[in-house]
Amino acid sequence: MHYHIYCNTKSIRTHHLRAITEYEKRLSSYCTTCLQLTTSLPPAREFAGENHSFIRIGSEGATQSSYDFAQSLDSIQQSGRSHVHIFIGYTEAECMDRLSMQTAFQKPQNLCLTHSRLSFETQTLLFYEQLYRGYTILQGKTYHK
């Protein structure tokens, strides 16, 4: 699996980057991740193809338990889609506008990590942690609590 994570910011503070780097290292045995800090989403051609899934991280909607999130990851893997694009800090309208330009239009799944108002960089760090937790659940490994 390849996770392309787009965060709507120009920079991330050093302590957040160190934590993200640690999660990237831990995740490397399960998947690859690519973090892009950008205030605008890439061109629609980046999302073309049948093997792409889309998730928008926001503060609205219902939250998922770690187990439910792990099951969502498993579902994506079982679907044969190997590229997952994660949008953090973008409105639903921005995502829909960009994704509707592709021929195989697919609405992004909305995921709420927390109802608290957090910076986009903190939401990005939380997503990395949740992704790692999801993979450890799928592998049946103990995750520290």
N, C-alpha and C. Protein backbone atom coordinates (compact mmCIF):
# COMPACT_ATOMS: atom_id res chain seq x y z
N MET A 1 0.84 -1.18 0.00
CA MET A 1 0.00 0.00 0.00
C MET A 1 0.88 1.24 0.00
N HIS A 2 0.40 2.23 -0.73
CA HIS A 2 1.10 3.51 -0.82
C HIS A 2 0.15 4.61 -0.34
N TYR A 3 0.55 5.33 0.68
CA TYR A 3 -0.27 6.40 1.23
C TYR A 3 0.35 7.74 0.84
N HIS A 4 -0.42 8.55 0.14
CA HIS A 4 -0.02 9.89 -0.26
C HIS A 4 -0.80 10.84 0.65
N ILE A 5 -0.11 11.52 1.53
CA ILE A 5 -0.77 12.34 2.55
C ILE A 5 -0.52 13.80 2.22
N TYR A 6 -1.61 14.53 1.99
CA TYR A 6 -1.55 15.94 1.64
C TYR A 6 -2.04 16.75 2.83
N CYS A 7 -1.18 17.61 3.35
CA CYS A 7 -1.52 18.44 4.51
C CYS A 7 -1.56 19.89 4.07
N ASN A 8 -2.66 20.58 4.36
CA ASN A 8 -2.87 21.96 3.95
C ASN A 8 -2.09 22.92 4.84
N THR A 9 -0.79 22.90 4.70
CA THR A 9 0.09 23.81 5.44
C THR A 9 1.40 23.94 4.67
N LYS A 10 2.14 24.98 4.97
CA LYS A 10 3.43 25.18 4.30
C LYS A 10 4.58 24.54 5.05
N SER A 11 4.40 24.36 6.37
CA SER A 11 5.48 23.76 7.16
C SER A 11 4.90 23.09 8.39
N ILE A 12 5.72 22.21 8.96
CA ILE A 12 5.35 21.51 10.19
C ILE A 12 6.49 21.71 11.18
N ARG A 13 6.13 21.98 12.42
CA ARG A 13 7.14 22.20 13.44
C ARG A 13 8.03 20.97 13.62
N THR A 14 9.24 21.20 14.05
CA THR A 14 10.27 20.16 14.15
C THR A 14 9.84 18.99 15.02
N HIS A 15 9.24 19.25 16.18
CA HIS A 15 8.87 18.13 17.05
C HIS A 15 7.78 17.26 16.42
N HIS A 16 6.89 17.86 15.62
CA HIS A 16 5.90 17.06 14.90
C HIS A 16 6.59 16.23 13.81
N LEU A 17 7.52 16.84 13.11
CA LEU A 17 8.24 16.11 12.05
C LEU A 17 9.03 14.93 12.60
N ARG A 18 9.64 15.10 13.76
CA ARG A 18 10.38 13.99 14.37
C ARG A 18 9.44 12.83 14.69
N ALA A 19 8.29 13.13 15.22
CA ALA A 19 7.32 12.08 15.55
C ALA A 19 6.80 11.41 14.27
N ILE A 20 6.51 12.19 13.25
CA ILE A 20 6.04 11.63 11.97
C ILE A 20 7.11 10.73 11.37
N THR A 21 8.36 11.17 11.43
CA THR A 21 9.47 10.36 10.91
C THR A 21 9.57 9.03 11.65
N GLU A 22 9.35 9.04 12.94
CA GLU A 22 9.36 7.80 13.72
C GLU A 22 8.24 6.87 13.27
N TYR A 23 7.04 7.41 13.07
CA TYR A 23 5.94 6.58 12.58
C TYR A 23 6.20 6.07 11.17
N GLU A 24 6.80 6.89 10.32
CA GLU A 24 7.15 6.43 8.96
C GLU A 24 8.10 5.24 9.03
N LYS A 25 9.05 5.32 9.93
CA LYS A 25 10.00 4.22 10.10
C LYS A 25 9.27 2.95 10.56
N ARG A 26 8.38 3.08 11.52
CA ARG A 26 7.63 1.93 12.01
C ARG A 26 6.69 1.36 10.95
N LEU A 27 6.10 2.24 10.15
CA LEU A 27 5.17 1.82 9.11
C LEU A 27 5.85 1.18 7.91
N SER A 28 7.15 1.40 7.76
CA SER A 28 7.85 0.95 6.55
C SER A 28 7.76 -0.56 6.31
N SER A 29 7.50 -1.34 7.33
CA SER A 29 7.37 -2.79 7.12
C SER A 29 5.96 -3.16 6.64
N TYR A 30 5.02 -2.21 6.66
CA TYR A 30 3.65 -2.48 6.23
C TYR A 30 3.26 -1.75 4.94
N CYS A 31 3.79 -0.53 4.77
CA CYS A 31 3.36 0.31 3.65
C CYS A 31 4.39 1.41 3.42
N THR A 32 4.16 2.21 2.38
CA THR A 32 4.98 3.40 2.17
C THR A 32 4.10 4.63 2.36
N THR A 33 4.71 5.70 2.84
CA THR A 33 3.98 6.95 3.02
C THR A 33 4.78 8.08 2.38
N CYS A 34 4.05 9.05 1.87
CA CYS A 34 4.67 10.23 1.28
C CYS A 34 3.87 11.43 1.75
N LEU A 35 4.49 12.28 2.55
CA LEU A 35 3.83 13.47 3.09
C LEU A 35 4.16 14.66 2.20
N GLN A 36 3.12 15.36 1.77
CA GLN A 36 3.29 16.57 0.96
C GLN A 36 2.61 17.73 1.67
N LEU A 37 3.39 18.76 1.95
CA LEU A 37 2.86 19.97 2.58
C LEU A 37 2.54 20.95 1.47
N THR A 38 1.26 21.22 1.28
CA THR A 38 0.85 22.07 0.16
C THR A 38 -0.49 22.73 0.48
N THR A 39 -0.60 24.01 0.14
CA THR A 39 -1.85 24.72 0.41
C THR A 39 -2.88 24.52 -0.70
N SER A 40 -2.49 23.84 -1.77
CA SER A 40 -3.47 23.51 -2.82
C SER A 40 -3.24 22.07 -3.26
N LEU A 41 -4.31 21.40 -3.58
CA LEU A 41 -4.22 20.00 -3.99
C LEU A 41 -3.55 19.88 -5.36
N PRO A 42 -2.86 18.76 -5.59
CA PRO A 42 -2.19 18.57 -6.88
C PRO A 42 -3.20 18.43 -8.02
N PRO A 43 -2.72 18.49 -9.26
CA PRO A 43 -3.62 18.35 -10.41
C PRO A 43 -4.36 17.01 -10.40
N ALA A 44 -5.52 16.99 -11.01
CA ALA A 44 -6.37 15.80 -11.02
C ALA A 44 -5.66 14.58 -11.61
N ARG A 45 -4.73 14.79 -12.52
CA ARG A 45 -4.04 13.65 -13.15
C ARG A 45 -3.28 12.80 -12.13
N GLU A 46 -2.92 13.40 -10.99
CA GLU A 46 -2.24 12.65 -9.92
C GLU A 46 -3.13 11.57 -9.33
N PHE A 47 -4.45 11.74 -9.50
CA PHE A 47 -5.41 10.83 -8.89
C PHE A 47 -6.07 9.89 -9.90
N ALA A 48 -5.59 9.92 -11.13
CA ALA A 48 -6.21 9.11 -12.19
C ALA A 48 -5.85 7.63 -12.00
N GLY A 49 -6.78 6.79 -12.37
CA GLY A 49 -6.55 5.35 -12.30
C GLY A 49 -7.57 4.65 -11.43
N GLU A 50 -7.70 3.39 -11.65
CA GLU A 50 -8.68 2.59 -10.93
C GLU A 50 -8.20 2.14 -9.55
N ASN A 51 -6.89 2.18 -9.30
CA ASN A 51 -6.37 1.64 -8.05
C ASN A 51 -6.12 2.70 -6.97
N HIS A 52 -6.95 3.76 -6.97
CA HIS A 52 -6.81 4.85 -6.01
C HIS A 52 -8.03 4.92 -5.09
N SER A 53 -7.78 5.19 -3.81
CA SER A 53 -8.83 5.46 -2.83
C SER A 53 -8.54 6.81 -2.20
N PHE A 54 -9.58 7.44 -1.68
CA PHE A 54 -9.45 8.79 -1.15
C PHE A 54 -10.11 8.90 0.22
N ILE A 55 -9.41 9.54 1.15
CA ILE A 55 -9.93 9.76 2.49
C ILE A 55 -9.67 11.22 2.84
N ARG A 56 -10.73 11.91 3.31
CA ARG A 56 -10.58 13.28 3.77
C ARG A 56 -10.71 13.29 5.28
N ILE A 57 -9.71 13.85 5.95
CA ILE A 57 -9.72 13.96 7.41
C ILE A 57 -10.36 15.30 7.77
N GLY A 58 -11.38 15.24 8.61
CA GLY A 58 -12.05 16.46 9.04
C GLY A 58 -12.48 16.34 10.49
N SER A 59 -13.15 17.37 10.98
CA SER A 59 -13.59 17.34 12.38
C SER A 59 -15.10 17.12 12.49
N GLU A 60 -15.75 16.86 11.36
CA GLU A 60 -17.18 16.61 11.41
C GLU A 60 -17.45 15.12 11.17
N GLY A 61 -18.63 14.69 11.56
CA GLY A 61 -19.01 13.30 11.36
C GLY A 61 -18.64 12.45 12.57
N ALA A 62 -18.89 11.17 12.42
CA ALA A 62 -18.63 10.22 13.51
C ALA A 62 -17.16 9.79 13.50
N THR A 63 -16.63 9.56 14.68
CA THR A 63 -15.27 9.03 14.78
C THR A 63 -15.33 7.51 14.68
N GLN A 64 -14.21 6.90 14.35
CA GLN A 64 -14.10 5.44 14.27
C GLN A 64 -13.18 4.97 15.39
N SER A 65 -13.47 3.79 15.89
CA SER A 65 -12.54 3.18 16.83
C SER A 65 -11.31 2.73 16.05
N SER A 66 -10.24 2.45 16.75
CA SER A 66 -9.03 1.96 16.09
C SER A 66 -9.29 0.65 15.36
N TYR A 67 -10.10 -0.20 15.96
CA TYR A 67 -10.44 -1.48 15.34
C TYR A 67 -11.23 -1.25 14.04
N ASP A 68 -12.21 -0.34 14.08
CA ASP A 68 -12.99 -0.04 12.87
C ASP A 68 -12.11 0.55 11.78
N PHE A 69 -11.19 1.43 12.17
CA PHE A 69 -10.27 2.01 11.21
C PHE A 69 -9.40 0.91 10.58
N ALA A 70 -8.93 -0.02 11.40
CA ALA A 70 -8.13 -1.14 10.88
C ALA A 70 -8.94 -1.95 9.87
N GLN A 71 -10.21 -2.15 10.15
CA GLN A 71 -11.08 -2.88 9.21
C GLN A 71 -11.25 -2.09 7.91
N SER A 72 -11.31 -0.77 7.99
CA SER A 72 -11.39 0.06 6.79
C SER A 72 -10.13 -0.09 5.95
N LEU A 73 -8.97 -0.11 6.61
CA LEU A 73 -7.71 -0.32 5.90
C LEU A 73 -7.70 -1.67 5.20
N ASP A 74 -8.16 -2.68 5.91
CA ASP A 74 -8.22 -4.03 5.34
C ASP A 74 -9.15 -4.06 4.13
N SER A 75 -10.26 -3.37 4.21
CA SER A 75 -11.21 -3.29 3.09
C SER A 75 -10.57 -2.68 1.86
N ILE A 76 -9.84 -1.59 2.07
CA ILE A 76 -9.15 -0.94 0.96
C ILE A 76 -8.14 -1.89 0.33
N GLN A 77 -7.38 -2.58 1.18
CA GLN A 77 -6.38 -3.53 0.66
C GLN A 77 -7.05 -4.64 -0.14
N GLN A 78 -8.16 -5.16 0.38
CA GLN A 78 -8.87 -6.25 -0.28
C GLN A 78 -9.50 -5.81 -1.60
N SER A 79 -9.77 -4.51 -1.75
CA SER A 79 -10.40 -4.00 -2.97
C SER A 79 -9.42 -3.95 -4.14
N GLY A 80 -8.13 -4.13 -3.85
CA GLY A 80 -7.13 -4.08 -4.91
C GLY A 80 -6.59 -2.69 -5.17
N ARG A 81 -7.03 -1.73 -4.39
CA ARG A 81 -6.53 -0.37 -4.57
C ARG A 81 -5.25 -0.21 -3.78
N SER A 82 -4.20 0.18 -4.47
CA SER A 82 -2.90 0.23 -3.80
C SER A 82 -2.44 1.65 -3.47
N HIS A 83 -3.14 2.66 -3.98
CA HIS A 83 -2.78 4.05 -3.70
C HIS A 83 -3.91 4.71 -2.92
N VAL A 84 -3.59 5.18 -1.72
CA VAL A 84 -4.59 5.85 -0.89
C VAL A 84 -4.13 7.29 -0.70
N HIS A 85 -5.00 8.22 -1.07
CA HIS A 85 -4.70 9.64 -0.95
C HIS A 85 -5.47 10.18 0.26
N ILE A 86 -4.73 10.78 1.17
CA ILE A 86 -5.29 11.32 2.42
C ILE A 86 -5.23 12.84 2.34
N PHE A 87 -6.37 13.50 2.54
CA PHE A 87 -6.45 14.95 2.48
C PHE A 87 -6.72 15.49 3.89
N ILE A 88 -5.77 16.26 4.41
CA ILE A 88 -5.89 16.81 5.77
C ILE A 88 -5.91 18.34 5.68
N GLY A 89 -7.01 18.92 6.16
CA GLY A 89 -7.10 20.38 6.19
C GLY A 89 -7.75 20.99 4.96
N TYR A 90 -8.27 20.18 4.09
CA TYR A 90 -8.97 20.68 2.90
C TYR A 90 -10.47 20.51 3.11
N THR A 91 -11.24 21.44 2.59
CA THR A 91 -12.69 21.33 2.71
C THR A 91 -13.20 20.22 1.80
N GLU A 92 -14.40 19.78 2.09
CA GLU A 92 -15.00 18.75 1.24
C GLU A 92 -15.16 19.28 -0.19
N ALA A 93 -15.52 20.57 -0.31
CA ALA A 93 -15.69 21.18 -1.62
C ALA A 93 -14.38 21.18 -2.41
N GLU A 94 -13.26 21.51 -1.75
CA GLU A 94 -11.96 21.49 -2.44
C GLU A 94 -11.63 20.09 -2.96
N CYS A 95 -11.87 19.10 -2.13
CA CYS A 95 -11.59 17.72 -2.54
C CYS A 95 -12.49 17.29 -3.67
N MET A 96 -13.78 17.57 -3.55
CA MET A 96 -14.73 17.18 -4.59
C MET A 96 -14.42 17.88 -5.90
N ASP A 97 -14.07 19.16 -5.83
CA ASP A 97 -13.74 19.91 -7.04
C ASP A 97 -12.56 19.28 -7.77
N ARG A 98 -11.52 18.91 -7.03
CA ARG A 98 -10.33 18.34 -7.65
C ARG A 98 -10.59 16.93 -8.17
N LEU A 99 -11.27 16.12 -7.37
CA LEU A 99 -11.49 14.72 -7.75
C LEU A 99 -12.52 14.57 -8.86
N SER A 100 -13.45 15.51 -8.98
CA SER A 100 -14.48 15.40 -10.02
C SER A 100 -13.90 15.61 -11.41
N MET A 101 -12.67 16.10 -11.49
CA MET A 101 -12.02 16.31 -12.79
C MET A 101 -11.50 15.02 -13.40
N GLN A 102 -11.43 13.97 -12.62
CA GLN A 102 -10.92 12.71 -13.15
C GLN A 102 -12.05 11.91 -13.77
N THR A 103 -11.70 11.00 -14.68
CA THR A 103 -12.73 10.24 -15.40
C THR A 103 -13.40 9.20 -14.50
N ALA A 104 -12.66 8.55 -13.66
CA ALA A 104 -13.23 7.54 -12.75
C ALA A 104 -13.49 8.19 -11.40
N PHE A 105 -14.41 9.17 -11.37
CA PHE A 105 -14.67 9.95 -10.17
C PHE A 105 -15.09 9.06 -9.01
N GLN A 106 -14.49 9.35 -7.87
CA GLN A 106 -14.76 8.59 -6.66
C GLN A 106 -14.81 9.56 -5.49
N LYS A 107 -15.93 9.61 -4.79
CA LYS A 107 -16.07 10.51 -3.64
C LYS A 107 -15.16 10.04 -2.51
N PRO A 108 -14.46 10.99 -1.85
CA PRO A 108 -13.59 10.58 -0.74
C PRO A 108 -14.39 10.16 0.48
N GLN A 109 -13.87 9.18 1.18
CA GLN A 109 -14.45 8.77 2.46
C GLN A 109 -14.09 9.84 3.47
N ASN A 110 -15.03 10.25 4.31
CA ASN A 110 -14.74 11.23 5.36
C ASN A 110 -14.39 10.49 6.64
N LEU A 111 -13.32 10.92 7.28
CA LEU A 111 -12.87 10.31 8.52
C LEU A 111 -12.63 11.40 9.55
N CYS A 112 -13.19 11.22 10.73
CA CYS A 112 -13.00 12.17 11.83
C CYS A 112 -12.11 11.51 12.87
N LEU A 113 -10.95 12.08 13.12
CA LEU A 113 -10.05 11.54 14.14
C LEU A 113 -10.45 12.01 15.53
N THR A 114 -10.94 13.24 15.61
CA THR A 114 -11.35 13.83 16.87
C THR A 114 -12.25 15.03 16.58
N HIS A 115 -13.14 15.33 17.50
CA HIS A 115 -13.99 16.51 17.32
C HIS A 115 -13.31 17.77 17.86
N SER A 116 -12.16 17.62 18.45
CA SER A 116 -11.41 18.77 18.96
C SER A 116 -10.84 19.58 17.80
N ARG A 117 -10.71 20.85 17.99
CA ARG A 117 -10.10 21.72 16.99
C ARG A 117 -8.58 21.62 17.13
N LEU A 118 -7.95 20.99 16.18
CA LEU A 118 -6.50 20.81 16.21
C LEU A 118 -5.89 21.39 14.95
N SER A 119 -4.63 21.77 15.02
CA SER A 119 -3.94 22.26 13.83
C SER A 119 -3.83 21.13 12.81
N PHE A 120 -3.64 21.50 11.56
CA PHE A 120 -3.51 20.49 10.51
C PHE A 120 -2.28 19.61 10.74
N GLU A 121 -1.22 20.20 11.28
CA GLU A 121 -0.01 19.41 11.53
C GLU A 121 -0.26 18.38 12.64
N THR A 122 -1.04 18.74 13.66
CA THR A 122 -1.36 17.79 14.72
C THR A 122 -2.30 16.70 14.19
N GLN A 123 -3.24 17.07 13.33
CA GLN A 123 -4.11 16.07 12.72
C GLN A 123 -3.29 15.10 11.87
N THR A 124 -2.27 15.60 11.20
CA THR A 124 -1.40 14.75 10.38
C THR A 124 -0.66 13.76 11.27
N LEU A 125 -0.11 14.23 12.37
CA LEU A 125 0.56 13.34 13.31
C LEU A 125 -0.41 12.29 13.86
N LEU A 126 -1.62 12.72 14.22
CA LEU A 126 -2.62 11.77 14.71
C LEU A 126 -2.98 10.72 13.65
N PHE A 127 -3.03 11.15 12.39
CA PHE A 127 -3.33 10.18 11.33
C PHE A 127 -2.22 9.14 11.23
N TYR A 128 -0.96 9.58 11.28
CA TYR A 128 0.15 8.62 11.23
C TYR A 128 0.06 7.63 12.39
N GLU A 129 -0.26 8.14 13.57
CA GLU A 129 -0.37 7.25 14.73
C GLU A 129 -1.51 6.25 14.52
N GLN A 130 -2.64 6.73 14.01
CA GLN A 130 -3.79 5.86 13.79
C GLN A 130 -3.50 4.83 12.69
N LEU A 131 -2.76 5.24 11.67
CA LEU A 131 -2.38 4.32 10.60
C LEU A 131 -1.49 3.20 11.15
N TYR A 132 -0.53 3.58 11.98
CA TYR A 132 0.35 2.58 12.60
C TYR A 132 -0.46 1.65 13.51
N ARG A 133 -1.34 2.23 14.30
CA ARG A 133 -2.18 1.43 15.20
C ARG A 133 -3.04 0.46 14.38
N GLY A 134 -3.61 0.93 13.28
CA GLY A 134 -4.43 0.08 12.42
C GLY A 134 -3.66 -1.11 11.87
N TYR A 135 -2.43 -0.87 11.42
CA TYR A 135 -1.63 -1.98 10.89
C TYR A 135 -1.22 -2.96 11.99
N THR A 136 -0.94 -2.47 13.18
CA THR A 136 -0.60 -3.41 14.26
C THR A 136 -1.80 -4.26 14.64
N ILE A 137 -2.99 -3.68 14.59
CA ILE A 137 -4.20 -4.46 14.86
C ILE A 137 -4.38 -5.53 13.79
N LEU A 138 -4.21 -5.16 12.52
CA LEU A 138 -4.37 -6.13 11.43
C LEU A 138 -3.35 -7.26 11.51
N GLN A 139 -2.16 -6.95 12.02
CA GLN A 139 -1.09 -7.96 12.14
C GLN A 139 -1.22 -8.77 13.43
N GLY A 140 -2.15 -8.40 14.29
CA GLY A 140 -2.34 -9.10 15.57
C GLY A 140 -1.24 -8.81 16.57
N LYS A 141 -0.55 -7.70 16.39
CA LYS A 141 0.53 -7.33 17.30
C LYS A 141 -0.02 -6.46 18.43
N THR A 142 0.64 -6.52 19.56
CA THR A 142 0.26 -5.71 20.70
C THR A 142 0.74 -4.29 20.47
N TYR A 143 -0.15 -3.36 20.68
CA TYR A 143 0.18 -1.96 20.57
C TYR A 143 0.18 -1.38 21.96
N HIS A 144 1.22 -0.64 22.31
CA HIS A 144 1.29 -0.09 23.67
C HIS A 144 0.10 0.83 23.90
N LYS A 145 -0.41 0.82 25.11
CA LYS A 145 -1.58 1.63 25.43
C LYS A 145 -1.23 2.70 26.41
